[in-house]
Amino acid sequence: VSAIHLHTPHRISALMMIMTLCLMVYCIAQHKLRQALKEHSETIPTQNGRQTDSPTMLRVFKLFLGIQLLVIVSGSEKQETVLNLNPIHIKIINLFGARARCIYGLNEKPGQNNNKI
């Protein structure tokens, strides 16, 4: 704990607030994904190869390991490409909606009216 300078109650309290917010975002993402999977009657694979419509975000994070962002800069131009996306990744990204598709470069603008899955 001393390595990150938590010497005062104020700093400990601030860290606890950040950790609480992180857990809240984690739980919201997990709930949204599970809800979308059930609405679309979709599943994703578990570690055992079975299919589930109620994965944990930890499982999703592990599925997304190995995805990389390639940035090519040529003069004043910059091009970004997401590498190593497979159909399971694309399915999960689509379930999170237009903003997620935009972040991963699957559509041009977050306002585009692309249907989920």
C-alpha atoms as a PDB file:
ATOM      1  CA  VAL A   1       0.000   0.000   0.000  1.00  0.00           C
ATOM      2  CA  SER A   2       2.813   2.442   0.755  1.00  0.00           C
ATOM      3  CA  ALA A   3       4.118   1.971  -2.787  1.00  0.00           C
ATOM      4  CA  ILE A   4       1.156   3.973  -4.109  1.00  0.00           C
ATOM      5  CA  HIS A   5       1.304   6.607  -1.364  1.00  0.00           C
ATOM      6  CA  LEU A   6      -1.825   5.802   0.610  1.00  0.00           C
ATOM      7  CA  HIS A   7      -0.571   7.440   3.757  1.00  0.00           C
ATOM      8  CA  THR A   8      -3.664   9.515   4.535  1.00  0.00           C
ATOM      9  CA  PRO A   9      -7.291   8.541   5.051  1.00  0.00           C
ATOM     10  CA  HIS A  10      -8.251  10.954   2.245  1.00  0.00           C
ATOM     11  CA  ARG A  11      -6.133   9.054  -0.303  1.00  0.00           C
ATOM     12  CA  ILE A  12      -7.434   5.689   0.887  1.00  0.00           C
ATOM     13  CA  SER A  13     -10.979   6.994   0.536  1.00  0.00           C
ATOM     14  CA  ALA A  14     -10.260   8.277  -2.984  1.00  0.00           C
ATOM     15  CA  LEU A  15      -8.869   4.888  -4.024  1.00  0.00           C
ATOM     16  CA  MET A  16     -11.920   3.117  -2.607  1.00  0.00           C
ATOM     17  CA  MET A  17     -14.176   5.454  -4.612  1.00  0.00           C
ATOM     18  CA  ILE A  18     -12.289   4.648  -7.827  1.00  0.00           C
ATOM     19  CA  MET A  19     -12.439   0.915  -7.106  1.00  0.00           C
ATOM     20  CA  THR A  20     -16.188   1.150  -6.442  1.00  0.00           C
ATOM     21  CA  LEU A  21     -16.741   2.981  -9.738  1.00  0.00           C
ATOM     22  CA  CYS A  22     -14.707   0.340 -11.578  1.00  0.00           C
ATOM     23  CA  LEU A  23     -16.820  -2.464 -10.091  1.00  0.00           C
ATOM     24  CA  MET A  24     -19.978  -0.587 -11.020  1.00  0.00           C
ATOM     25  CA  VAL A  25     -18.875  -0.233 -14.667  1.00  0.00           C
ATOM     26  CA  TYR A  26     -17.878  -3.923 -14.700  1.00  0.00           C
ATOM     27  CA  CYS A  27     -21.307  -4.993 -13.395  1.00  0.00           C
ATOM     28  CA  ILE A  28     -23.196  -2.712 -15.805  1.00  0.00           C
ATOM     29  CA  ALA A  29     -21.236  -4.080 -18.779  1.00  0.00           C
ATOM     30  CA  GLN A  30     -21.866  -7.658 -17.657  1.00  0.00           C
ATOM     31  CA  HIS A  31     -25.589  -6.995 -17.197  1.00  0.00           C
ATOM     32  CA  LYS A  32     -25.904  -5.270 -20.589  1.00  0.00           C
ATOM     33  CA  LEU A  33     -24.107  -8.115 -22.384  1.00  0.00           C
ATOM     34  CA  ARG A  34     -26.164 -10.828 -20.694  1.00  0.00           C
ATOM     35  CA  GLN A  35     -29.383  -8.955 -21.444  1.00  0.00           C
ATOM     36  CA  ALA A  36     -28.421  -8.495 -25.126  1.00  0.00           C
ATOM     37  CA  LEU A  37     -27.459 -12.168 -25.455  1.00  0.00           C
ATOM     38  CA  LYS A  38     -30.854 -13.237 -24.099  1.00  0.00           C
ATOM     39  CA  GLU A  39     -32.783 -10.720 -26.243  1.00  0.00           C
ATOM     40  CA  HIS A  40     -31.109 -11.994 -29.412  1.00  0.00           C
ATOM     41  CA  SER A  41     -31.077 -15.676 -28.339  1.00  0.00           C
ATOM     42  CA  GLU A  42     -27.304 -15.703 -28.788  1.00  0.00           C
ATOM     43  CA  THR A  43     -24.528 -17.417 -26.854  1.00  0.00           C
ATOM     44  CA  ILE A  44     -20.768 -17.255 -26.581  1.00  0.00           C
ATOM     45  CA  PRO A  45     -18.377 -20.122 -25.832  1.00  0.00           C
ATOM     46  CA  THR A  46     -17.192 -20.948 -22.343  1.00  0.00           C
ATOM     47  CA  GLN A  47     -13.683 -22.164 -21.559  1.00  0.00           C
ATOM     48  CA  ASN A  48     -14.980 -25.747 -21.869  1.00  0.00           C
ATOM     49  CA  GLY A  49     -16.334 -25.130 -25.362  1.00  0.00           C
ATOM     50  CA  ARG A  50     -19.977 -25.126 -24.248  1.00  0.00           C
ATOM     51  CA  GLN A  51     -22.240 -22.183 -25.060  1.00  0.00           C
ATOM     52  CA  THR A  52     -23.645 -19.737 -22.488  1.00  0.00           C
ATOM     53  CA  ASP A  53     -25.918 -16.727 -22.525  1.00  0.00           C
ATOM     54  CA  SER A  54     -24.692 -15.537 -19.116  1.00  0.00           C
ATOM     55  CA  PRO A  55     -20.904 -15.074 -19.351  1.00  0.00           C
ATOM     56  CA  THR A  56     -18.867 -13.121 -16.851  1.00  0.00           C
ATOM     57  CA  MET A  57     -16.972 -10.048 -18.000  1.00  0.00           C
ATOM     58  CA  LEU A  58     -13.782 -11.837 -16.960  1.00  0.00           C
ATOM     59  CA  ARG A  59     -14.520 -14.452 -19.637  1.00  0.00           C
ATOM     60  CA  VAL A  60     -15.170 -11.714 -22.210  1.00  0.00           C
ATOM     61  CA  PHE A  61     -11.925  -9.944 -21.258  1.00  0.00           C
ATOM     62  CA  LYS A  62     -10.036 -13.209 -21.743  1.00  0.00           C
ATOM     63  CA  LEU A  63     -11.692 -13.709 -25.134  1.00  0.00           C
ATOM     64  CA  PHE A  64     -10.468 -10.267 -26.191  1.00  0.00           C
ATOM     65  CA  LEU A  65      -6.813 -10.938 -25.332  1.00  0.00           C
ATOM     66  CA  GLY A  66      -4.661 -10.702 -28.437  1.00  0.00           C
ATOM     67  CA  ILE A  67      -6.648  -7.979 -30.186  1.00  0.00           C
ATOM     68  CA  GLN A  68      -4.241  -5.271 -31.255  1.00  0.00           C
ATOM     69  CA  LEU A  69      -4.422  -1.771 -32.700  1.00  0.00           C
ATOM     70  CA  LEU A  70      -2.120  -1.139 -35.656  1.00  0.00           C
ATOM     71  CA  VAL A  71      -1.324   2.534 -36.225  1.00  0.00           C
ATOM     72  CA  ILE A  72       0.342   3.526 -39.488  1.00  0.00           C
ATOM     73  CA  VAL A  73       1.625   7.096 -39.741  1.00  0.00           C
ATOM     74  CA  SER A  74       2.648   8.350 -43.155  1.00  0.00           C
ATOM     75  CA  GLY A  75       3.521  12.031 -43.206  1.00  0.00           C
ATOM     76  CA  SER A  76       0.516  13.883 -41.839  1.00  0.00           C
ATOM     77  CA  GLU A  77      -1.859  10.945 -42.357  1.00  0.00           C
ATOM     78  CA  LYS A  78      -2.650   8.410 -39.668  1.00  0.00           C
ATOM     79  CA  GLN A  79      -4.487   5.126 -40.218  1.00  0.00           C
ATOM     80  CA  GLU A  80      -5.675   2.846 -37.414  1.00  0.00           C
ATOM     81  CA  THR A  81      -6.722  -0.778 -37.882  1.00  0.00           C
ATOM     82  CA  VAL A  82      -7.906  -3.302 -35.297  1.00  0.00           C
ATOM     83  CA  LEU A  83      -6.226  -6.685 -35.790  1.00  0.00           C
ATOM     84  CA  ASN A  84      -7.174 -10.236 -34.789  1.00  0.00           C
ATOM     85  CA  LEU A  85     -10.965  -9.795 -34.598  1.00  0.00           C
ATOM     86  CA  ASN A  86     -12.808 -13.077 -35.078  1.00  0.00           C
ATOM     87  CA  PRO A  87     -16.564 -13.730 -35.447  1.00  0.00           C
ATOM     88  CA  ILE A  88     -17.035 -14.167 -31.677  1.00  0.00           C
ATOM     89  CA  HIS A  89     -15.420 -10.778 -31.012  1.00  0.00           C
ATOM     90  CA  ILE A  90     -17.593  -9.152 -33.659  1.00  0.00           C
ATOM     91  CA  LYS A  91     -20.725 -10.751 -32.175  1.00  0.00           C
ATOM     92  CA  ILE A  92     -19.890  -9.365 -28.712  1.00  0.00           C
ATOM     93  CA  ILE A  93     -19.013  -5.926 -30.084  1.00  0.00           C
ATOM     94  CA  ASN A  94     -22.310  -5.813 -32.016  1.00  0.00           C
ATOM     95  CA  LEU A  95     -24.215  -6.683 -28.844  1.00  0.00           C
ATOM     96  CA  PHE A  96     -22.710  -3.628 -27.123  1.00  0.00           C
ATOM     97  CA  GLY A  97     -24.099  -1.378 -29.855  1.00  0.00           C
ATOM     98  CA  ALA A  98     -23.080   1.362 -32.279  1.00  0.00           C
ATOM     99  CA  ARG A  99     -20.524   3.068 -30.030  1.00  0.00           C
ATOM    100  CA  ALA A 100     -18.611  -0.194 -29.524  1.00  0.00           C
ATOM    101  CA  ARG A 101     -18.718  -0.873 -33.281  1.00  0.00           C
ATOM    102  CA  CYS A 102     -17.246   2.583 -33.887  1.00  0.00           C
ATOM    103  CA  ILE A 103     -14.474   2.052 -31.317  1.00  0.00           C
ATOM    104  CA  TYR A 104     -13.447  -1.201 -33.004  1.00  0.00           C
ATOM    105  CA  GLY A 105     -13.730   0.275 -36.499  1.00  0.00           C
ATOM    106  CA  LEU A 106     -16.687  -1.855 -37.564  1.00  0.00           C
ATOM    107  CA  ASN A 107     -18.620   1.172 -38.842  1.00  0.00           C
ATOM    108  CA  GLU A 108     -17.771   4.743 -39.737  1.00  0.00           C
ATOM    109  CA  LYS A 109     -19.854   6.808 -37.315  1.00  0.00           C
ATOM    110  CA  PRO A 110     -21.441   6.054 -33.925  1.00  0.00           C
ATOM    111  CA  GLY A 111     -24.707   7.597 -35.165  1.00  0.00           C
ATOM    112  CA  GLN A 112     -25.161   5.129 -38.003  1.00  0.00           C
ATOM    113  CA  ASN A 113     -28.328   3.089 -37.719  1.00  0.00           C
ATOM    114  CA  ASN A 114     -26.836  -0.417 -37.802  1.00  0.00           C
ATOM    115  CA  ASN A 115     -29.002  -3.105 -36.251  1.00  0.00           C
ATOM    116  CA  LYS A 116     -27.573  -5.196 -33.463  1.00  0.00           C
ATOM    117  CA  ILE A 117     -26.657  -8.635 -34.753  1.00  0.00           C
END
